[in-house]
All heavy atoms as atom14 arrays in JSON, in Angstrom:
{
  "sequence": "LDNFENQLQENQESMSVLEAEIPHLRHIVC",
  "atom14_mask": [
    [1, 1, 1, 1, 1, 1, 1, 1, 0, 0, 0, 0, 0, 0],
    [1, 1, 1, 1, 1, 1, 1, 1, 0, 0, 0, 0, 0, 0],
    [1, 1, 1, 1, 1, 1, 1, 1, 0, 0, 0, 0, 0, 0],
    [1, 1, 1, 1, 1, 1, 1, 1, 1, 1, 1, 0, 0, 0],
    [1, 1, 1, 1, 1, 1, 1, 1, 1, 0, 0, 0, 0, 0],
    [1, 1, 1, 1, 1, 1, 1, 1, 0, 0, 0, 0, 0, 0],
    [1, 1, 1, 1, 1, 1, 1, 1, 1, 0, 0, 0, 0, 0],
    [1, 1, 1, 1, 1, 1, 1, 1, 0, 0, 0, 0, 0, 0],
    [1, 1, 1, 1, 1, 1, 1, 1, 1, 0, 0, 0, 0, 0],
    [1, 1, 1, 1, 1, 1, 1, 1, 1, 0, 0, 0, 0, 0],
    [1, 1, 1, 1, 1, 1, 1, 1, 0, 0, 0, 0, 0, 0],
    [1, 1, 1, 1, 1, 1, 1, 1, 1, 0, 0, 0, 0, 0],
    [1, 1, 1, 1, 1, 1, 1, 1, 1, 0, 0, 0, 0, 0],
    [1, 1, 1, 1, 1, 1, 0, 0, 0, 0, 0, 0, 0, 0],
    [1, 1, 1, 1, 1, 1, 1, 1, 0, 0, 0, 0, 0, 0],
    [1, 1, 1, 1, 1, 1, 0, 0, 0, 0, 0, 0, 0, 0],
    [1, 1, 1, 1, 1, 1, 1, 0, 0, 0, 0, 0, 0, 0],
    [1, 1, 1, 1, 1, 1, 1, 1, 0, 0, 0, 0, 0, 0],
    [1, 1, 1, 1, 1, 1, 1, 1, 1, 0, 0, 0, 0, 0],
    [1, 1, 1, 1, 1, 0, 0, 0, 0, 0, 0, 0, 0, 0],
    [1, 1, 1, 1, 1, 1, 1, 1, 1, 0, 0, 0, 0, 0],
    [1, 1, 1, 1, 1, 1, 1, 1, 0, 0, 0, 0, 0, 0],
    [1, 1, 1, 1, 1, 1, 1, 0, 0, 0, 0, 0, 0, 0],
    [1, 1, 1, 1, 1, 1, 1, 1, 1, 1, 0, 0, 0, 0],
    [1, 1, 1, 1, 1, 1, 1, 1, 0, 0, 0, 0, 0, 0],
    [1, 1, 1, 1, 1, 1, 1, 1, 1, 1, 1, 0, 0, 0],
    [1, 1, 1, 1, 1, 1, 1, 1, 1, 1, 0, 0, 0, 0],
    [1, 1, 1, 1, 1, 1, 1, 1, 0, 0, 0, 0, 0, 0],
    [1, 1, 1, 1, 1, 1, 1, 0, 0, 0, 0, 0, 0, 0],
    [1, 1, 1, 1, 1, 1, 0, 0, 0, 0, 0, 0, 0, 0]
  ],
  "atom14_positions": [
    [[105.97, 132.4, 132.99], [105.03, 132.87, 131.96], [105.19, 134.25, 131.64], [105.25, 134.7, 130.49], [103.6, 132.6, 132.41], [102.48, 132.95, 131.46], [102.61, 132.19, 130.1], [101.1, 132.73, 132.04], [0.0, 0.0, 0.0], [0.0, 0.0, 0.0], [0.0, 0.0, 0.0], [0.0, 0.0, 0.0], [0.0, 0.0, 0.0], [0.0, 0.0, 0.0]],
    [[105.46, 135.11, 132.65], [105.74, 136.57, 132.41], [106.99, 136.72, 131.64], [107.06, 137.53, 130.75], [105.79, 137.28, 133.77], [104.46, 137.53, 134.47], [103.49, 137.47, 133.75], [104.46, 137.81, 135.67], [0.0, 0.0, 0.0], [0.0, 0.0, 0.0], [0.0, 0.0, 0.0], [0.0, 0.0, 0.0], [0.0, 0.0, 0.0], [0.0, 0.0, 0.0]],
    [[108.04, 135.9, 132.01], [109.27, 135.96, 131.3], [109.17, 135.58, 129.79], [109.66, 136.27, 128.91], [110.32, 135.07, 131.93], [110.88, 135.63, 133.26], [110.76, 136.82, 133.5], [111.42, 134.76, 134.09], [0.0, 0.0, 0.0], [0.0, 0.0, 0.0], [0.0, 0.0, 0.0], [0.0, 0.0, 0.0], [0.0, 0.0, 0.0], [0.0, 0.0, 0.0]],
    [[108.32, 134.58, 129.57], [108.17, 134.14, 128.29], [107.3, 135.19, 127.4], [107.64, 135.45, 126.24], [107.31, 132.8, 128.09], [108.16, 131.59, 128.56], [107.58, 130.6, 129.25], [109.52, 131.46, 128.12], [108.35, 129.47, 129.56], [110.19, 130.36, 128.38], [109.68, 129.38, 129.15], [0.0, 0.0, 0.0], [0.0, 0.0, 0.0], [0.0, 0.0, 0.0]],
    [[106.32, 135.83, 128.09], [105.55, 136.86, 127.42], [106.45, 138.07, 127.11], [106.33, 138.66, 126.04], [104.39, 137.24, 128.25], [103.29, 136.25, 128.31], [102.15, 136.67, 129.34], [102.38, 137.48, 130.27], [101.13, 136.08, 129.2], [0.0, 0.0, 0.0], [0.0, 0.0, 0.0], [0.0, 0.0, 0.0], [0.0, 0.0, 0.0], [0.0, 0.0, 0.0]],
    [[107.42, 138.38, 128.06], [108.3, 139.47, 127.74], [109.27, 139.15, 126.57], [109.5, 140.03, 125.7], [109.11, 139.83, 129.02], [108.31, 140.5, 130.09], [107.29, 141.06, 129.82], [108.74, 140.36, 131.33], [0.0, 0.0, 0.0], [0.0, 0.0, 0.0], [0.0, 0.0, 0.0], [0.0, 0.0, 0.0], [0.0, 0.0, 0.0], [0.0, 0.0, 0.0]],
    [[109.77, 137.9, 126.55], [110.57, 137.53, 125.44], [109.81, 137.55, 124.13], [110.34, 137.94, 123.15], [111.16, 136.12, 125.73], [112.19, 136.01, 126.82], [112.66, 134.64, 127.07], [112.11, 133.62, 126.55], [113.65, 134.51, 127.89], [0.0, 0.0, 0.0], [0.0, 0.0, 0.0], [0.0, 0.0, 0.0], [0.0, 0.0, 0.0], [0.0, 0.0, 0.0]],
    [[108.55, 137.1, 124.14], [107.77, 137.08, 122.96], [107.56, 138.49, 122.43], [107.71, 138.8, 121.3], [106.44, 136.48, 123.23], [105.42, 136.44, 122.1], [105.96, 135.59, 120.88], [104.11, 135.79, 122.55], [0.0, 0.0, 0.0], [0.0, 0.0, 0.0], [0.0, 0.0, 0.0], [0.0, 0.0, 0.0], [0.0, 0.0, 0.0], [0.0, 0.0, 0.0]],
    [[107.35, 139.41, 123.44], [107.09, 140.8, 123.0], [108.34, 141.4, 122.38], [108.31, 142.11, 121.34], [106.7, 141.69, 124.23], [106.46, 143.15, 123.96], [105.31, 143.39, 123.05], [104.32, 142.64, 123.08], [105.31, 144.41, 122.27], [0.0, 0.0, 0.0], [0.0, 0.0, 0.0], [0.0, 0.0, 0.0], [0.0, 0.0, 0.0], [0.0, 0.0, 0.0]],
    [[109.56, 141.11, 123.01], [110.81, 141.54, 122.45], [111.02, 140.97, 121.07], [111.51, 141.64, 120.12], [111.95, 141.2, 123.37], [111.99, 141.94, 124.69], [113.03, 141.49, 125.63], [113.84, 140.63, 125.28], [112.97, 141.98, 126.79], [0.0, 0.0, 0.0], [0.0, 0.0, 0.0], [0.0, 0.0, 0.0], [0.0, 0.0, 0.0], [0.0, 0.0, 0.0]],
    [[110.78, 139.64, 120.89], [110.91, 139.0, 119.62], [109.97, 139.63, 118.54], [110.37, 139.76, 117.39], [110.7, 137.62, 119.74], [111.83, 136.87, 120.53], [112.89, 137.4, 120.67], [111.5, 135.62, 120.95], [0.0, 0.0, 0.0], [0.0, 0.0, 0.0], [0.0, 0.0, 0.0], [0.0, 0.0, 0.0], [0.0, 0.0, 0.0], [0.0, 0.0, 0.0]],
    [[108.76, 139.93, 118.88], [107.85, 140.55, 118.0], [108.31, 141.91, 117.59], [108.19, 142.24, 116.41], [106.46, 140.52, 118.6], [105.74, 139.22, 118.65], [104.4, 139.27, 119.38], [104.19, 140.13, 120.23], [103.58, 138.3, 119.11], [0.0, 0.0, 0.0], [0.0, 0.0, 0.0], [0.0, 0.0, 0.0], [0.0, 0.0, 0.0], [0.0, 0.0, 0.0]],
    [[108.82, 142.67, 118.48], [109.37, 143.99, 118.19], [110.58, 143.91, 117.26], [110.69, 144.61, 116.36], [109.75, 144.7, 119.46], [108.61, 145.2, 120.28], [108.95, 145.73, 121.75], [110.08, 145.79, 121.97], [107.99, 146.01, 122.46], [0.0, 0.0, 0.0], [0.0, 0.0, 0.0], [0.0, 0.0, 0.0], [0.0, 0.0, 0.0], [0.0, 0.0, 0.0]],
    [[111.36, 142.89, 117.51], [112.56, 142.69, 116.6], [112.15, 142.26, 115.24], [112.65, 142.73, 114.2], [113.53, 141.55, 117.15], [114.0, 141.99, 118.36], [0.0, 0.0, 0.0], [0.0, 0.0, 0.0], [0.0, 0.0, 0.0], [0.0, 0.0, 0.0], [0.0, 0.0, 0.0], [0.0, 0.0, 0.0], [0.0, 0.0, 0.0], [0.0, 0.0, 0.0]],
    [[111.1, 141.45, 115.2], [110.57, 141.05, 113.8], [110.01, 142.17, 113.12], [110.2, 142.29, 111.91], [109.5, 139.98, 114.06], [110.0, 138.6, 114.41], [111.09, 137.84, 113.16], [109.94, 137.74, 111.85], [0.0, 0.0, 0.0], [0.0, 0.0, 0.0], [0.0, 0.0, 0.0], [0.0, 0.0, 0.0], [0.0, 0.0, 0.0], [0.0, 0.0, 0.0]],
    [[109.35, 143.11, 113.84], [108.71, 144.32, 113.19], [109.87, 145.12, 112.58], [109.71, 145.68, 111.45], [107.92, 145.09, 114.19], [106.81, 144.41, 114.61], [0.0, 0.0, 0.0], [0.0, 0.0, 0.0], [0.0, 0.0, 0.0], [0.0, 0.0, 0.0], [0.0, 0.0, 0.0], [0.0, 0.0, 0.0], [0.0, 0.0, 0.0], [0.0, 0.0, 0.0]],
    [[110.87, 145.28, 113.31], [112.06, 146.11, 112.76], [112.66, 145.44, 111.58], [112.94, 146.1, 110.54], [113.22, 146.21, 113.84], [114.42, 146.8, 113.38], [112.59, 147.11, 115.03], [0.0, 0.0, 0.0], [0.0, 0.0, 0.0], [0.0, 0.0, 0.0], [0.0, 0.0, 0.0], [0.0, 0.0, 0.0], [0.0, 0.0, 0.0], [0.0, 0.0, 0.0]],
    [[112.84, 144.09, 111.64], [113.37, 143.36, 110.47], [112.49, 143.42, 109.27], [112.93, 143.6, 108.1], [113.65, 141.88, 110.86], [114.86, 141.71, 111.82], [114.89, 140.3, 112.24], [116.12, 142.26, 111.31], [0.0, 0.0, 0.0], [0.0, 0.0, 0.0], [0.0, 0.0, 0.0], [0.0, 0.0, 0.0], [0.0, 0.0, 0.0], [0.0, 0.0, 0.0]],
    [[111.18, 143.27, 109.46], [110.22, 143.3, 108.47], [110.15, 144.67, 107.77], [110.06, 144.8, 106.5], [108.73, 142.96, 108.92], [108.6, 141.48, 109.14], [107.34, 141.15, 109.86], [106.56, 142.1, 110.31], [106.99, 139.99, 109.9], [0.0, 0.0, 0.0], [0.0, 0.0, 0.0], [0.0, 0.0, 0.0], [0.0, 0.0, 0.0], [0.0, 0.0, 0.0]],
    [[110.36, 145.7, 108.54], [110.44, 147.09, 107.97], [111.68, 147.31, 107.08], [111.67, 148.08, 106.14], [110.5, 148.11, 109.1], [0.0, 0.0, 0.0], [0.0, 0.0, 0.0], [0.0, 0.0, 0.0], [0.0, 0.0, 0.0], [0.0, 0.0, 0.0], [0.0, 0.0, 0.0], [0.0, 0.0, 0.0], [0.0, 0.0, 0.0], [0.0, 0.0, 0.0]],
    [[112.72, 146.52, 107.32], [113.98, 146.64, 106.54], [113.92, 145.92, 105.29], [114.74, 146.13, 104.39], [115.13, 146.2, 107.42], [115.49, 147.12, 108.53], [116.05, 148.49, 107.99], [116.83, 148.52, 107.03], [115.58, 149.55, 108.55], [0.0, 0.0, 0.0], [0.0, 0.0, 0.0], [0.0, 0.0, 0.0], [0.0, 0.0, 0.0], [0.0, 0.0, 0.0]],
    [[113.0, 144.9, 105.08], [113.01, 144.06, 104.0], [112.86, 144.87, 102.65], [113.61, 144.61, 101.71], [111.84, 142.99, 104.16], [112.35, 141.95, 105.18], [111.61, 142.23, 102.78], [111.31, 140.92, 105.48], [0.0, 0.0, 0.0], [0.0, 0.0, 0.0], [0.0, 0.0, 0.0], [0.0, 0.0, 0.0], [0.0, 0.0, 0.0], [0.0, 0.0, 0.0]],
    [[111.92, 145.75, 102.53], [111.85, 146.49, 101.24], [113.1, 147.22, 100.89], [113.59, 147.24, 99.73], [110.65, 147.5, 101.43], [109.94, 146.84, 102.55], [110.79, 146.11, 103.36], [0.0, 0.0, 0.0], [0.0, 0.0, 0.0], [0.0, 0.0, 0.0], [0.0, 0.0, 0.0], [0.0, 0.0, 0.0], [0.0, 0.0, 0.0], [0.0, 0.0, 0.0]],
    [[113.77, 147.81, 101.88], [115.03, 148.55, 101.69], [116.15, 147.59, 101.19], [116.81, 147.86, 100.23], [115.45, 149.28, 103.01], [116.75, 149.97, 102.85], [116.93, 151.04, 102.08], [118.01, 149.65, 103.38], [118.22, 151.42, 102.16], [118.82, 150.6, 102.97], [0.0, 0.0, 0.0], [0.0, 0.0, 0.0], [0.0, 0.0, 0.0], [0.0, 0.0, 0.0]],
    [[116.21, 146.42, 101.8], [117.22, 145.47, 101.43], [116.95, 144.9, 100.04], [117.9, 144.73, 99.25], [117.23, 144.28, 102.42], [117.73, 144.7, 103.85], [117.57, 143.49, 104.88], [119.17, 145.13, 103.83], [0.0, 0.0, 0.0], [0.0, 0.0, 0.0], [0.0, 0.0, 0.0], [0.0, 0.0, 0.0], [0.0, 0.0, 0.0], [0.0, 0.0, 0.0]],
    [[115.7, 144.7, 99.7], [115.39, 144.22, 98.32], [115.8, 145.28, 97.34], [116.31, 144.92, 96.21], [113.88, 143.95, 98.2], [113.46, 142.7, 98.81], [111.96, 142.36, 98.56], [111.71, 141.07, 99.16], [110.56, 140.71, 99.64], [109.53, 141.61, 99.75], [110.38, 139.56, 100.12], [0.0, 0.0, 0.0], [0.0, 0.0, 0.0], [0.0, 0.0, 0.0]],
    [[115.57, 146.54, 97.67], [115.99, 147.69, 96.8], [117.44, 147.66, 96.52], [117.98, 147.76, 95.4], [115.49, 148.99, 97.37], [115.93, 150.17, 96.55], [115.3, 150.55, 95.32], [116.89, 151.1, 96.79], [115.98, 151.59, 94.87], [116.85, 151.98, 95.79], [0.0, 0.0, 0.0], [0.0, 0.0, 0.0], [0.0, 0.0, 0.0], [0.0, 0.0, 0.0]],
    [[118.25, 147.42, 97.66], [119.68, 147.4, 97.56], [120.15, 146.24, 96.62], [121.05, 146.36, 95.83], [120.33, 147.32, 98.94], [120.09, 148.64, 99.67], [121.78, 147.07, 98.87], [120.53, 148.58, 101.16], [0.0, 0.0, 0.0], [0.0, 0.0, 0.0], [0.0, 0.0, 0.0], [0.0, 0.0, 0.0], [0.0, 0.0, 0.0], [0.0, 0.0, 0.0]],
    [[119.52, 145.04, 96.9], [119.83, 143.87, 96.05], [119.53, 144.12, 94.59], [120.38, 143.81, 93.69], [119.04, 142.6, 96.59], [119.12, 141.5, 95.58], [119.56, 142.2, 97.91], [0.0, 0.0, 0.0], [0.0, 0.0, 0.0], [0.0, 0.0, 0.0], [0.0, 0.0, 0.0], [0.0, 0.0, 0.0], [0.0, 0.0, 0.0], [0.0, 0.0, 0.0]],
    [[118.43, 144.75, 94.3], [118.13, 145.1, 92.89], [119.14, 146.08, 92.26], [119.58, 145.84, 91.1], [116.72, 145.65, 92.75], [115.42, 144.43, 92.98], [0.0, 0.0, 0.0], [0.0, 0.0, 0.0], [0.0, 0.0, 0.0], [0.0, 0.0, 0.0], [0.0, 0.0, 0.0], [0.0, 0.0, 0.0], [0.0, 0.0, 0.0], [0.0, 0.0, 0.0]]
  ]
}
């Protein structure tokens, strides 16, 4: 359970980084 929680936390952090990049990537596509 601790391992899963750690993986979940890491995944959520990765998602936050990716979500922050979305506006920039949309701008580049435009």
